[in-house]
Amino acid sequence: MPNSTSDHRGQFIVFEGIDGSGKSTQVQLLADYLTLLGKKVFITREPSPGNIGQLIRKGLRKELVFTEATLAALFLADRIDHLEGQDGIWQMLEEGITVICDRYFWSSFSYHALGLPMEWVISIHQRIIDLYPPDITIFLDIDVETSMKRIGTRGEETELFENRTTLTKVRNNYLKVFEKYADDHHIEVIKADRTVDEIKADISALF
């Protein structure tokens, strides 16, 4: 049942940050750390690996073109399937597995609010906010210049949102929405323009 608080329930951990903030690295390091503590850990990400998630990724790679509202709705549909589908996040949590998710609804609020009213994006997620809140959100905060340098070292074609102007607006949206929900959600802001080990130490100390 959503919002279950049974003793054996796994912890739902979400990582957020603008592109290039180092989420993927820190997700894996935290998973390794929690595994050493004896926890069963599953790593996932959004967009999910499912059919809707694959469709979204084509849009992010500019292989398909969606309106802003359509893309936001696709993310919501993918998120619901990711949570409630067979072998989905909530089933794993109920089985005592700790789930670490790279991006969650905070990303939708921050990225889709670039072209849509943030309150509308939040409103279509209200059921998920109420029923499936993360136990902790870790926001890796990094300045946009450092982010762009890291993105440039990947040697990959940039995705839809990976440019300096967009990422500046996205970071500001993140900070705005975290301030809005600070009293209702456990949100930790971690300075991410430091060494991998320094960031890892701060995150590990949370657990």
N, C-alpha and C. Protein backbone atom coordinates (compact mmCIF):
# COMPACT_ATOMS: atom_id res chain seq x y z
N MET A 1 0.86 -1.19 0.00
CA MET A 1 0.00 0.00 0.00
C MET A 1 0.89 1.24 0.00
N PRO A 2 0.59 2.25 -0.85
CA PRO A 2 1.37 3.48 -0.85
C PRO A 2 1.43 4.12 0.53
N ASN A 3 2.57 4.78 0.79
CA ASN A 3 2.81 5.46 2.06
C ASN A 3 2.88 4.50 3.24
N SER A 4 3.14 3.22 2.99
CA SER A 4 3.28 2.24 4.07
C SER A 4 4.48 2.61 4.93
N THR A 5 4.37 2.36 6.22
CA THR A 5 5.48 2.65 7.14
C THR A 5 5.92 1.40 7.89
N SER A 6 5.77 0.24 7.26
CA SER A 6 6.14 -1.01 7.89
C SER A 6 7.63 -1.02 8.20
N ASP A 7 8.00 -1.76 9.26
CA ASP A 7 9.38 -1.77 9.73
C ASP A 7 10.36 -2.31 8.68
N HIS A 8 9.89 -3.22 7.85
CA HIS A 8 10.80 -3.85 6.90
C HIS A 8 10.90 -3.09 5.58
N ARG A 9 10.17 -1.99 5.45
CA ARG A 9 10.13 -1.25 4.19
C ARG A 9 11.50 -0.66 3.87
N GLY A 10 11.88 -0.72 2.60
CA GLY A 10 13.14 -0.13 2.16
C GLY A 10 13.06 1.38 2.14
N GLN A 11 14.21 2.01 2.04
CA GLN A 11 14.28 3.48 2.01
C GLN A 11 14.29 3.95 0.55
N PHE A 12 13.54 5.00 0.28
CA PHE A 12 13.45 5.57 -1.07
C PHE A 12 14.30 6.84 -1.10
N ILE A 13 15.44 6.74 -1.81
CA ILE A 13 16.41 7.82 -1.88
C ILE A 13 16.44 8.39 -3.29
N VAL A 14 16.33 9.70 -3.40
CA VAL A 14 16.32 10.36 -4.70
C VAL A 14 17.50 11.31 -4.82
N PHE A 15 18.18 11.26 -5.96
CA PHE A 15 19.25 12.21 -6.27
C PHE A 15 18.74 13.19 -7.33
N GLU A 16 19.04 14.46 -7.13
CA GLU A 16 18.67 15.48 -8.10
C GLU A 16 19.87 16.39 -8.36
N GLY A 17 19.82 17.10 -9.47
CA GLY A 17 20.88 18.04 -9.82
C GLY A 17 20.80 18.36 -11.30
N ILE A 18 21.38 19.49 -11.68
CA ILE A 18 21.41 19.81 -13.10
C ILE A 18 22.37 18.85 -13.79
N ASP A 19 22.32 18.82 -15.10
CA ASP A 19 23.20 17.93 -15.86
C ASP A 19 24.66 18.26 -15.55
N GLY A 20 25.46 17.21 -15.38
CA GLY A 20 26.87 17.41 -15.08
C GLY A 20 27.18 17.59 -13.61
N SER A 21 26.19 17.38 -12.75
CA SER A 21 26.41 17.60 -11.32
C SER A 21 27.08 16.41 -10.63
N GLY A 22 27.18 15.28 -11.32
CA GLY A 22 27.85 14.11 -10.75
C GLY A 22 26.92 13.12 -10.10
N LYS A 23 25.64 13.16 -10.45
CA LYS A 23 24.66 12.28 -9.82
C LYS A 23 24.99 10.80 -10.02
N SER A 24 25.27 10.42 -11.24
CA SER A 24 25.49 9.00 -11.53
C SER A 24 26.62 8.42 -10.69
N THR A 25 27.70 9.19 -10.55
CA THR A 25 28.83 8.74 -9.74
C THR A 25 28.44 8.57 -8.29
N GLN A 26 27.76 9.55 -7.73
CA GLN A 26 27.42 9.51 -6.31
C GLN A 26 26.31 8.50 -6.02
N VAL A 27 25.43 8.27 -6.97
CA VAL A 27 24.41 7.22 -6.81
C VAL A 27 25.09 5.87 -6.61
N GLN A 28 26.06 5.57 -7.46
CA GLN A 28 26.76 4.29 -7.36
C GLN A 28 27.57 4.18 -6.08
N LEU A 29 28.24 5.26 -5.70
CA LEU A 29 29.03 5.23 -4.47
C LEU A 29 28.16 5.03 -3.24
N LEU A 30 26.98 5.66 -3.22
CA LEU A 30 26.08 5.46 -2.08
C LEU A 30 25.54 4.05 -2.07
N ALA A 31 25.22 3.52 -3.24
CA ALA A 31 24.73 2.13 -3.31
C ALA A 31 25.78 1.17 -2.77
N ASP A 32 27.03 1.39 -3.13
CA ASP A 32 28.12 0.53 -2.64
C ASP A 32 28.24 0.64 -1.12
N TYR A 33 28.13 1.85 -0.61
CA TYR A 33 28.25 2.08 0.83
C TYR A 33 27.11 1.40 1.60
N LEU A 34 25.88 1.58 1.12
CA LEU A 34 24.73 0.98 1.80
C LEU A 34 24.77 -0.54 1.72
N THR A 35 25.29 -1.06 0.63
CA THR A 35 25.44 -2.51 0.49
C THR A 35 26.41 -3.04 1.54
N LEU A 36 27.48 -2.30 1.77
CA LEU A 36 28.44 -2.70 2.81
C LEU A 36 27.80 -2.69 4.19
N LEU A 37 26.78 -1.86 4.37
CA LEU A 37 26.06 -1.81 5.64
C LEU A 37 25.04 -2.94 5.78
N GLY A 38 24.95 -3.76 4.72
CA GLY A 38 24.06 -4.91 4.78
C GLY A 38 22.69 -4.69 4.18
N LYS A 39 22.49 -3.59 3.47
CA LYS A 39 21.19 -3.31 2.87
C LYS A 39 21.12 -3.87 1.46
N LYS A 40 19.92 -4.30 1.07
CA LYS A 40 19.67 -4.66 -0.32
C LYS A 40 19.36 -3.37 -1.07
N VAL A 41 20.09 -3.11 -2.15
CA VAL A 41 19.98 -1.83 -2.83
C VAL A 41 19.70 -2.04 -4.32
N PHE A 42 18.79 -1.23 -4.84
CA PHE A 42 18.48 -1.24 -6.28
C PHE A 42 18.62 0.18 -6.81
N ILE A 43 19.35 0.34 -7.91
CA ILE A 43 19.55 1.63 -8.55
C ILE A 43 18.63 1.74 -9.76
N THR A 44 17.95 2.86 -9.91
CA THR A 44 17.15 3.11 -11.08
C THR A 44 17.26 4.59 -11.45
N ARG A 45 16.59 4.97 -12.51
CA ARG A 45 16.68 6.36 -12.95
C ARG A 45 15.43 6.74 -13.73
N GLU A 46 15.26 8.03 -13.90
CA GLU A 46 14.17 8.53 -14.73
C GLU A 46 14.74 9.49 -15.77
N PRO A 47 14.26 9.39 -17.03
CA PRO A 47 13.23 8.47 -17.52
C PRO A 47 13.63 7.02 -17.25
N SER A 48 12.61 6.19 -17.05
CA SER A 48 12.85 4.79 -16.71
C SER A 48 13.31 4.00 -17.93
N PRO A 49 13.73 2.75 -17.74
CA PRO A 49 14.10 1.91 -18.88
C PRO A 49 12.89 1.38 -19.65
N GLY A 50 11.68 1.66 -19.18
CA GLY A 50 10.47 1.13 -19.79
C GLY A 50 10.16 1.76 -21.13
N ASN A 51 9.04 1.33 -21.72
CA ASN A 51 8.66 1.78 -23.06
C ASN A 51 8.44 3.29 -23.13
N ILE A 52 7.75 3.84 -22.13
CA ILE A 52 7.51 5.28 -22.14
C ILE A 52 8.81 6.03 -21.94
N GLY A 53 9.66 5.51 -21.07
CA GLY A 53 10.95 6.13 -20.83
C GLY A 53 11.81 6.17 -22.08
N GLN A 54 11.76 5.10 -22.87
CA GLN A 54 12.53 5.06 -24.12
C GLN A 54 12.02 6.10 -25.10
N LEU A 55 10.71 6.30 -25.12
CA LEU A 55 10.11 7.32 -25.98
C LEU A 55 10.58 8.71 -25.56
N ILE A 56 10.61 8.94 -24.27
CA ILE A 56 11.08 10.23 -23.75
C ILE A 56 12.53 10.47 -24.16
N ARG A 57 13.37 9.44 -24.04
CA ARG A 57 14.78 9.61 -24.36
C ARG A 57 14.98 10.00 -25.83
N LYS A 58 14.12 9.49 -26.69
CA LYS A 58 14.19 9.90 -28.10
C LYS A 58 13.90 11.39 -28.24
N GLY A 59 12.97 11.87 -27.41
CA GLY A 59 12.69 13.30 -27.43
C GLY A 59 13.85 14.11 -26.89
N LEU A 60 14.49 13.63 -25.83
CA LEU A 60 15.63 14.34 -25.25
C LEU A 60 16.82 14.36 -26.21
N ARG A 61 16.94 13.29 -27.01
CA ARG A 61 18.03 13.24 -28.01
C ARG A 61 17.65 13.96 -29.30
N LYS A 62 16.46 14.55 -29.30
CA LYS A 62 15.96 15.33 -30.45
C LYS A 62 15.65 14.46 -31.65
N GLU A 63 15.45 13.16 -31.42
CA GLU A 63 15.05 12.25 -32.50
C GLU A 63 13.55 12.36 -32.76
N LEU A 64 12.80 12.76 -31.74
CA LEU A 64 11.38 13.04 -31.86
C LEU A 64 11.12 14.43 -31.29
N VAL A 65 10.06 15.05 -31.76
CA VAL A 65 9.72 16.39 -31.29
C VAL A 65 8.37 16.33 -30.58
N PHE A 66 8.35 16.79 -29.31
CA PHE A 66 7.12 16.84 -28.53
C PHE A 66 6.87 18.28 -28.09
N THR A 67 5.60 18.63 -27.91
CA THR A 67 5.31 19.90 -27.26
C THR A 67 5.75 19.81 -25.81
N GLU A 68 5.91 20.94 -25.17
CA GLU A 68 6.35 20.95 -23.78
C GLU A 68 5.35 20.22 -22.88
N ALA A 69 4.07 20.46 -23.12
CA ALA A 69 3.04 19.81 -22.30
C ALA A 69 3.02 18.31 -22.54
N THR A 70 3.21 17.89 -23.79
CA THR A 70 3.25 16.46 -24.10
C THR A 70 4.41 15.79 -23.40
N LEU A 71 5.59 16.43 -23.43
CA LEU A 71 6.76 15.85 -22.77
C LEU A 71 6.53 15.74 -21.27
N ALA A 72 5.93 16.77 -20.67
CA ALA A 72 5.65 16.73 -19.24
C ALA A 72 4.69 15.59 -18.91
N ALA A 73 3.67 15.39 -19.77
CA ALA A 73 2.71 14.32 -19.55
C ALA A 73 3.35 12.95 -19.72
N LEU A 74 4.27 12.83 -20.66
CA LEU A 74 4.99 11.57 -20.85
C LEU A 74 5.83 11.24 -19.62
N PHE A 75 6.50 12.22 -19.06
CA PHE A 75 7.27 12.00 -17.84
C PHE A 75 6.37 11.54 -16.70
N LEU A 76 5.21 12.14 -16.59
CA LEU A 76 4.27 11.73 -15.53
C LEU A 76 3.83 10.29 -15.74
N ALA A 77 3.47 9.93 -16.98
CA ALA A 77 3.03 8.56 -17.27
C ALA A 77 4.15 7.56 -16.99
N ASP A 78 5.37 7.92 -17.38
CA ASP A 78 6.51 7.04 -17.13
C ASP A 78 6.75 6.88 -15.63
N ARG A 79 6.58 7.96 -14.90
CA ARG A 79 6.80 7.93 -13.44
C ARG A 79 5.77 7.04 -12.74
N ILE A 80 4.52 7.13 -13.16
CA ILE A 80 3.49 6.29 -12.57
C ILE A 80 3.79 4.82 -12.83
N ASP A 81 4.17 4.50 -14.07
CA ASP A 81 4.50 3.12 -14.42
C ASP A 81 5.73 2.65 -13.65
N HIS A 82 6.70 3.52 -13.49
CA HIS A 82 7.93 3.21 -12.77
C HIS A 82 7.63 2.89 -11.31
N LEU A 83 6.69 3.61 -10.74
CA LEU A 83 6.33 3.42 -9.34
C LEU A 83 5.42 2.21 -9.12
N GLU A 84 4.39 2.11 -9.94
CA GLU A 84 3.29 1.18 -9.67
C GLU A 84 3.31 -0.08 -10.51
N GLY A 85 4.14 -0.13 -11.53
CA GLY A 85 4.16 -1.28 -12.41
C GLY A 85 4.73 -2.52 -11.74
N GLN A 86 4.60 -3.64 -12.42
CA GLN A 86 5.15 -4.89 -11.90
C GLN A 86 6.65 -4.74 -11.68
N ASP A 87 7.13 -5.15 -10.51
CA ASP A 87 8.53 -4.96 -10.13
C ASP A 87 8.92 -3.49 -10.09
N GLY A 88 7.94 -2.64 -9.82
CA GLY A 88 8.19 -1.21 -9.76
C GLY A 88 8.81 -0.79 -8.43
N ILE A 89 9.06 0.50 -8.32
CA ILE A 89 9.74 1.02 -7.13
C ILE A 89 9.01 0.67 -5.85
N TRP A 90 7.70 0.88 -5.84
CA TRP A 90 6.99 0.68 -4.57
C TRP A 90 6.96 -0.78 -4.14
N GLN A 91 6.87 -1.68 -5.11
CA GLN A 91 6.92 -3.10 -4.77
C GLN A 91 8.26 -3.44 -4.14
N MET A 92 9.34 -2.91 -4.70
CA MET A 92 10.67 -3.16 -4.15
C MET A 92 10.79 -2.62 -2.73
N LEU A 93 10.29 -1.42 -2.51
CA LEU A 93 10.35 -0.83 -1.18
C LEU A 93 9.60 -1.69 -0.17
N GLU A 94 8.43 -2.20 -0.57
CA GLU A 94 7.64 -3.03 0.33
C GLU A 94 8.34 -4.35 0.64
N GLU A 95 9.23 -4.77 -0.26
CA GLU A 95 9.99 -6.01 -0.05
C GLU A 95 11.26 -5.76 0.74
N GLY A 96 11.45 -4.54 1.21
CA GLY A 96 12.61 -4.23 2.04
C GLY A 96 13.84 -3.79 1.29
N ILE A 97 13.71 -3.54 0.01
CA ILE A 97 14.85 -3.11 -0.81
C ILE A 97 14.97 -1.59 -0.78
N THR A 98 16.16 -1.09 -0.55
CA THR A 98 16.41 0.34 -0.64
C THR A 98 16.55 0.72 -2.11
N VAL A 99 15.78 1.69 -2.55
CA VAL A 99 15.80 2.13 -3.95
C VAL A 99 16.43 3.50 -4.04
N ILE A 100 17.45 3.62 -4.89
CA ILE A 100 18.08 4.91 -5.17
C ILE A 100 17.71 5.30 -6.60
N CYS A 101 17.05 6.43 -6.73
CA CYS A 101 16.56 6.86 -8.04
C CYS A 101 17.26 8.14 -8.47
N ASP A 102 17.85 8.09 -9.66
CA ASP A 102 18.51 9.24 -10.28
C ASP A 102 17.44 10.05 -11.01
N ARG A 103 16.95 11.10 -10.36
CA ARG A 103 15.89 12.01 -10.79
C ARG A 103 14.52 11.47 -10.38
N TYR A 104 13.63 12.44 -10.06
CA TYR A 104 12.27 12.11 -9.67
C TYR A 104 11.39 13.31 -10.02
N PHE A 105 10.28 13.50 -9.29
CA PHE A 105 9.37 14.56 -9.71
C PHE A 105 9.97 15.96 -9.59
N TRP A 106 11.00 16.12 -8.74
CA TRP A 106 11.64 17.43 -8.64
C TRP A 106 12.21 17.88 -9.99
N SER A 107 12.69 16.92 -10.77
CA SER A 107 13.23 17.25 -12.09
C SER A 107 12.14 17.79 -13.01
N SER A 108 10.97 17.17 -12.95
CA SER A 108 9.86 17.66 -13.77
C SER A 108 9.50 19.08 -13.39
N PHE A 109 9.42 19.34 -12.07
CA PHE A 109 9.07 20.68 -11.63
C PHE A 109 10.09 21.70 -12.14
N SER A 110 11.36 21.32 -12.16
CA SER A 110 12.42 22.27 -12.48
C SER A 110 12.65 22.43 -13.98
N TYR A 111 12.58 21.33 -14.72
CA TYR A 111 12.84 21.38 -16.16
C TYR A 111 11.61 21.79 -16.96
N HIS A 112 10.45 21.22 -16.65
CA HIS A 112 9.26 21.53 -17.44
C HIS A 112 8.73 22.92 -17.15
N ALA A 113 9.09 23.47 -15.99
CA ALA A 113 8.67 24.83 -15.67
C ALA A 113 9.41 25.87 -16.51
N LEU A 114 10.34 25.43 -17.36
CA LEU A 114 11.00 26.35 -18.27
C LEU A 114 10.00 26.92 -19.28
N GLY A 115 9.03 26.09 -19.68
CA GLY A 115 8.08 26.53 -20.69
C GLY A 115 6.63 26.39 -20.29
N LEU A 116 6.40 25.87 -19.07
CA LEU A 116 5.05 25.66 -18.56
C LEU A 116 4.96 26.26 -17.17
N PRO A 117 3.76 26.64 -16.73
CA PRO A 117 3.63 27.13 -15.35
C PRO A 117 4.01 26.04 -14.36
N MET A 118 4.92 26.35 -13.44
CA MET A 118 5.37 25.36 -12.47
C MET A 118 4.19 24.79 -11.67
N GLU A 119 3.24 25.64 -11.32
CA GLU A 119 2.11 25.18 -10.52
C GLU A 119 1.29 24.13 -11.27
N TRP A 120 1.23 24.24 -12.58
CA TRP A 120 0.50 23.22 -13.37
C TRP A 120 1.27 21.90 -13.34
N VAL A 121 2.58 21.97 -13.52
CA VAL A 121 3.39 20.75 -13.50
C VAL A 121 3.26 20.08 -12.13
N ILE A 122 3.30 20.88 -11.07
CA ILE A 122 3.14 20.33 -9.72
C ILE A 122 1.76 19.71 -9.55
N SER A 123 0.73 20.39 -10.07
CA SER A 123 -0.64 19.94 -9.86
C SER A 123 -0.91 18.57 -10.48
N ILE A 124 -0.32 18.28 -11.64
CA ILE A 124 -0.58 16.98 -12.26
C ILE A 124 0.16 15.86 -11.53
N HIS A 125 1.10 16.25 -10.68
CA HIS A 125 1.86 15.27 -9.89
C HIS A 125 1.33 15.10 -8.46
N GLN A 126 0.23 15.77 -8.12
CA GLN A 126 -0.18 15.81 -6.72
C GLN A 126 -0.39 14.43 -6.12
N ARG A 127 -0.98 13.53 -6.88
CA ARG A 127 -1.21 12.17 -6.37
C ARG A 127 0.12 11.50 -6.02
N ILE A 128 1.13 11.67 -6.86
CA ILE A 128 2.43 11.06 -6.60
C ILE A 128 3.11 11.73 -5.41
N ILE A 129 3.00 13.04 -5.32
CA ILE A 129 3.58 13.76 -4.18
C ILE A 129 3.00 13.23 -2.87
N ASP A 130 1.68 13.01 -2.87
CA ASP A 130 1.00 12.57 -1.65
C ASP A 130 1.28 11.11 -1.30
N LEU A 131 1.30 10.25 -2.33
CA LEU A 131 1.39 8.81 -2.08
C LEU A 131 2.81 8.25 -2.11
N TYR A 132 3.68 8.87 -2.89
CA TYR A 132 5.00 8.29 -3.11
C TYR A 132 6.13 9.30 -2.86
N PRO A 133 6.15 9.95 -1.71
CA PRO A 133 7.24 10.89 -1.45
C PRO A 133 8.55 10.15 -1.19
N PRO A 134 9.68 10.70 -1.62
CA PRO A 134 10.96 10.09 -1.25
C PRO A 134 11.23 10.26 0.23
N ASP A 135 11.97 9.33 0.81
CA ASP A 135 12.37 9.47 2.21
C ASP A 135 13.41 10.56 2.37
N ILE A 136 14.26 10.69 1.37
CA ILE A 136 15.27 11.76 1.38
C ILE A 136 15.61 12.11 -0.06
N THR A 137 15.76 13.40 -0.31
CA THR A 137 16.21 13.90 -1.60
C THR A 137 17.57 14.55 -1.41
N ILE A 138 18.54 14.13 -2.22
CA ILE A 138 19.89 14.69 -2.17
C ILE A 138 20.10 15.51 -3.44
N PHE A 139 20.25 16.82 -3.26
CA PHE A 139 20.43 17.72 -4.40
C PHE A 139 21.91 18.09 -4.50
N LEU A 140 22.54 17.67 -5.58
CA LEU A 140 23.93 18.01 -5.83
C LEU A 140 23.98 19.36 -6.53
N ASP A 141 24.33 20.37 -5.78
CA ASP A 141 24.28 21.74 -6.29
C ASP A 141 25.63 22.15 -6.85
N ILE A 142 25.61 22.56 -8.10
CA ILE A 142 26.84 22.91 -8.80
C ILE A 142 26.58 24.13 -9.66
N ASP A 143 27.60 24.98 -9.83
CA ASP A 143 27.42 26.15 -10.68
C ASP A 143 27.40 25.72 -12.14
N VAL A 144 26.75 26.50 -12.96
CA VAL A 144 26.50 26.12 -14.35
C VAL A 144 27.79 26.04 -15.15
N GLU A 145 28.76 26.90 -14.88
CA GLU A 145 30.01 26.86 -15.63
C GLU A 145 30.72 25.52 -15.44
N THR A 146 30.78 25.04 -14.20
CA THR A 146 31.39 23.73 -13.93
C THR A 146 30.58 22.63 -14.59
N SER A 147 29.27 22.75 -14.53
CA SER A 147 28.40 21.77 -15.18
C SER A 147 28.69 21.66 -16.67
N MET A 148 28.79 22.80 -17.35
CA MET A 148 29.01 22.80 -18.80
C MET A 148 30.38 22.20 -19.14
N LYS A 149 31.40 22.46 -18.31
CA LYS A 149 32.73 21.88 -18.55
C LYS A 149 32.66 20.35 -18.46
N ARG A 150 31.92 19.85 -17.46
CA ARG A 150 31.80 18.41 -17.30
C ARG A 150 31.03 17.78 -18.46
N ILE A 151 29.97 18.44 -18.88
CA ILE A 151 29.19 17.94 -20.02
C ILE A 151 30.07 17.87 -21.27
N GLY A 152 30.93 18.89 -21.43
CA GLY A 152 31.80 18.95 -22.61
C GLY A 152 32.83 17.85 -22.66
N THR A 153 33.19 17.28 -21.52
CA THR A 153 34.20 16.21 -21.49
C THR A 153 33.61 14.84 -21.82
N ARG A 154 32.29 14.74 -21.92
CA ARG A 154 31.66 13.45 -22.18
C ARG A 154 31.91 12.94 -23.60
N GLY A 155 32.12 13.88 -24.54
CA GLY A 155 32.31 13.47 -25.93
C GLY A 155 31.03 12.98 -26.57
N GLU A 156 29.89 13.40 -26.02
CA GLU A 156 28.59 12.98 -26.55
C GLU A 156 27.84 14.19 -27.07
N GLU A 157 26.86 13.94 -27.94
CA GLU A 157 26.00 15.01 -28.41
C GLU A 157 25.14 15.49 -27.25
N THR A 158 25.02 16.81 -27.12
CA THR A 158 24.24 17.35 -26.02
C THR A 158 22.75 17.05 -26.20
N GLU A 159 22.05 16.91 -25.06
CA GLU A 159 20.63 16.66 -25.09
C GLU A 159 19.86 17.97 -25.04
N LEU A 160 18.54 17.85 -25.03
CA LEU A 160 17.64 18.98 -25.19
C LEU A 160 17.91 20.13 -24.23
N PHE A 161 18.16 19.82 -22.96
CA PHE A 161 18.27 20.86 -21.95
C PHE A 161 19.70 21.26 -21.62
N GLU A 162 20.68 20.70 -22.33
CA GLU A 162 22.08 20.88 -21.93
C GLU A 162 22.71 22.10 -22.60
N ASN A 163 22.32 23.28 -22.14
CA ASN A 163 22.97 24.51 -22.55
C ASN A 163 22.99 25.47 -21.37
N ARG A 164 23.87 26.45 -21.42
CA ARG A 164 24.15 27.30 -20.27
C ARG A 164 22.91 28.07 -19.79
N THR A 165 22.19 28.67 -20.71
CA THR A 165 21.02 29.46 -20.32
C THR A 165 19.95 28.59 -19.68
N THR A 166 19.70 27.44 -20.29
CA THR A 166 18.67 26.54 -19.76
C THR A 166 19.05 26.03 -18.38
N LEU A 167 20.29 25.59 -18.22
CA LEU A 167 20.70 25.03 -16.94
C LEU A 167 20.69 26.06 -15.82
N THR A 168 20.96 27.32 -16.14
CA THR A 168 20.87 28.38 -15.13
C THR A 168 19.43 28.51 -14.63
N LYS A 169 18.49 28.49 -15.56
CA LYS A 169 17.08 28.58 -15.18
C LYS A 169 16.63 27.34 -14.41
N VAL A 170 17.12 26.17 -14.82
CA VAL A 170 16.75 24.93 -14.14
C VAL A 170 17.25 24.94 -12.70
N ARG A 171 18.49 25.35 -12.51
CA ARG A 171 19.04 25.40 -11.14
C ARG A 171 18.20 26.35 -10.28
N ASN A 172 17.84 27.49 -10.82
CA ASN A 172 17.01 28.43 -10.07
C ASN A 172 15.65 27.82 -9.73
N ASN A 173 15.09 27.06 -10.65
CA ASN A 173 13.80 26.40 -10.39
C ASN A 173 13.93 25.36 -9.29
N TYR A 174 15.02 24.61 -9.32
CA TYR A 174 15.25 23.63 -8.25
C TYR A 174 15.24 24.32 -6.88
N LEU A 175 16.01 25.38 -6.77
CA LEU A 175 16.12 26.08 -5.48
C LEU A 175 14.77 26.65 -5.06
N LYS A 176 14.00 27.12 -6.03
CA LYS A 176 12.68 27.67 -5.74
C LYS A 176 11.74 26.59 -5.22
N VAL A 177 11.71 25.44 -5.88
CA VAL A 177 10.77 24.39 -5.47
C VAL A 177 11.20 23.73 -4.17
N PHE A 178 12.51 23.63 -3.93
CA PHE A 178 12.97 23.07 -2.66
C PHE A 178 12.60 23.99 -1.50
N GLU A 179 12.67 25.29 -1.72
CA GLU A 179 12.25 26.23 -0.68
C GLU A 179 10.76 26.07 -0.39
N LYS A 180 9.99 25.85 -1.43
CA LYS A 180 8.54 25.67 -1.28
C LYS A 180 8.20 24.45 -0.44
N TYR A 181 8.97 23.37 -0.61
CA TYR A 181 8.64 22.11 0.05
C TYR A 181 9.57 21.77 1.22
N ALA A 182 10.37 22.72 1.64
CA ALA A 182 11.38 22.45 2.68
C ALA A 182 10.78 21.92 3.97
N ASP A 183 9.59 22.37 4.32
CA ASP A 183 8.99 21.96 5.60
C ASP A 183 8.34 20.58 5.53
N ASP A 184 8.06 20.10 4.33
CA ASP A 184 7.32 18.85 4.18
C ASP A 184 8.16 17.67 3.69
N HIS A 185 9.36 17.94 3.20
CA HIS A 185 10.21 16.89 2.64
C HIS A 185 11.62 17.01 3.19
N HIS A 186 12.28 15.86 3.31
CA HIS A 186 13.68 15.84 3.76
C HIS A 186 14.57 16.06 2.53
N ILE A 187 15.09 17.26 2.43
CA ILE A 187 15.92 17.65 1.28
C ILE A 187 17.29 18.08 1.79
N GLU A 188 18.32 17.46 1.26
CA GLU A 188 19.70 17.80 1.63
C GLU A 188 20.40 18.40 0.41
N VAL A 189 20.92 19.60 0.56
CA VAL A 189 21.67 20.26 -0.51
C VAL A 189 23.16 20.04 -0.27
N ILE A 190 23.81 19.39 -1.22
CA ILE A 190 25.23 19.05 -1.10
C ILE A 190 26.02 19.84 -2.13
N LYS A 191 27.03 20.56 -1.68
CA LYS A 191 27.88 21.32 -2.60
C LYS A 191 28.66 20.34 -3.47
N ALA A 192 28.48 20.43 -4.79
CA ALA A 192 29.00 19.40 -5.68
C ALA A 192 30.17 19.84 -6.56
N ASP A 193 30.76 21.00 -6.26
CA ASP A 193 31.92 21.43 -7.04
C ASP A 193 33.22 21.10 -6.31
N ARG A 194 33.20 19.97 -5.58
CA ARG A 194 34.35 19.51 -4.82
C ARG A 194 34.79 18.15 -5.35
N THR A 195 35.74 17.52 -4.68
CA THR A 195 36.20 16.22 -5.14
C THR A 195 35.13 15.16 -4.91
N VAL A 196 35.22 14.10 -5.65
CA VAL A 196 34.27 13.00 -5.52
C VAL A 196 34.26 12.47 -4.10
N ASP A 197 35.44 12.33 -3.49
CA ASP A 197 35.52 11.78 -2.13
C ASP A 197 34.91 12.72 -1.10
N GLU A 198 35.09 14.02 -1.28
CA GLU A 198 34.50 14.97 -0.34
C GLU A 198 32.97 14.92 -0.39
N ILE A 199 32.44 14.84 -1.59
CA ILE A 199 30.99 14.75 -1.75
C ILE A 199 30.48 13.44 -1.18
N LYS A 200 31.17 12.36 -1.49
CA LYS A 200 30.80 11.04 -0.98
C LYS A 200 30.74 11.04 0.53
N ALA A 201 31.70 11.66 1.19
CA ALA A 201 31.75 11.67 2.66
C ALA A 201 30.53 12.38 3.24
N ASP A 202 30.15 13.51 2.64
CA ASP A 202 28.98 14.24 3.13
C ASP A 202 27.70 13.44 2.96
N ILE A 203 27.59 12.73 1.83
CA ILE A 203 26.38 11.95 1.58
C ILE A 203 26.34 10.73 2.50
N SER A 204 27.46 10.05 2.65
CA SER A 204 27.50 8.86 3.51
C SER A 204 27.11 9.22 4.95
N ALA A 205 27.48 10.42 5.38
CA ALA A 205 27.19 10.84 6.75
C ALA A 205 25.69 10.98 7.01
N LEU A 206 24.91 11.06 5.94
CA LEU A 206 23.45 11.18 6.09
C LEU A 206 22.81 9.84 6.47
N PHE A 207 23.57 8.75 6.33
CA PHE A 207 23.01 7.41 6.53
C PHE A 207 23.77 6.66 7.63
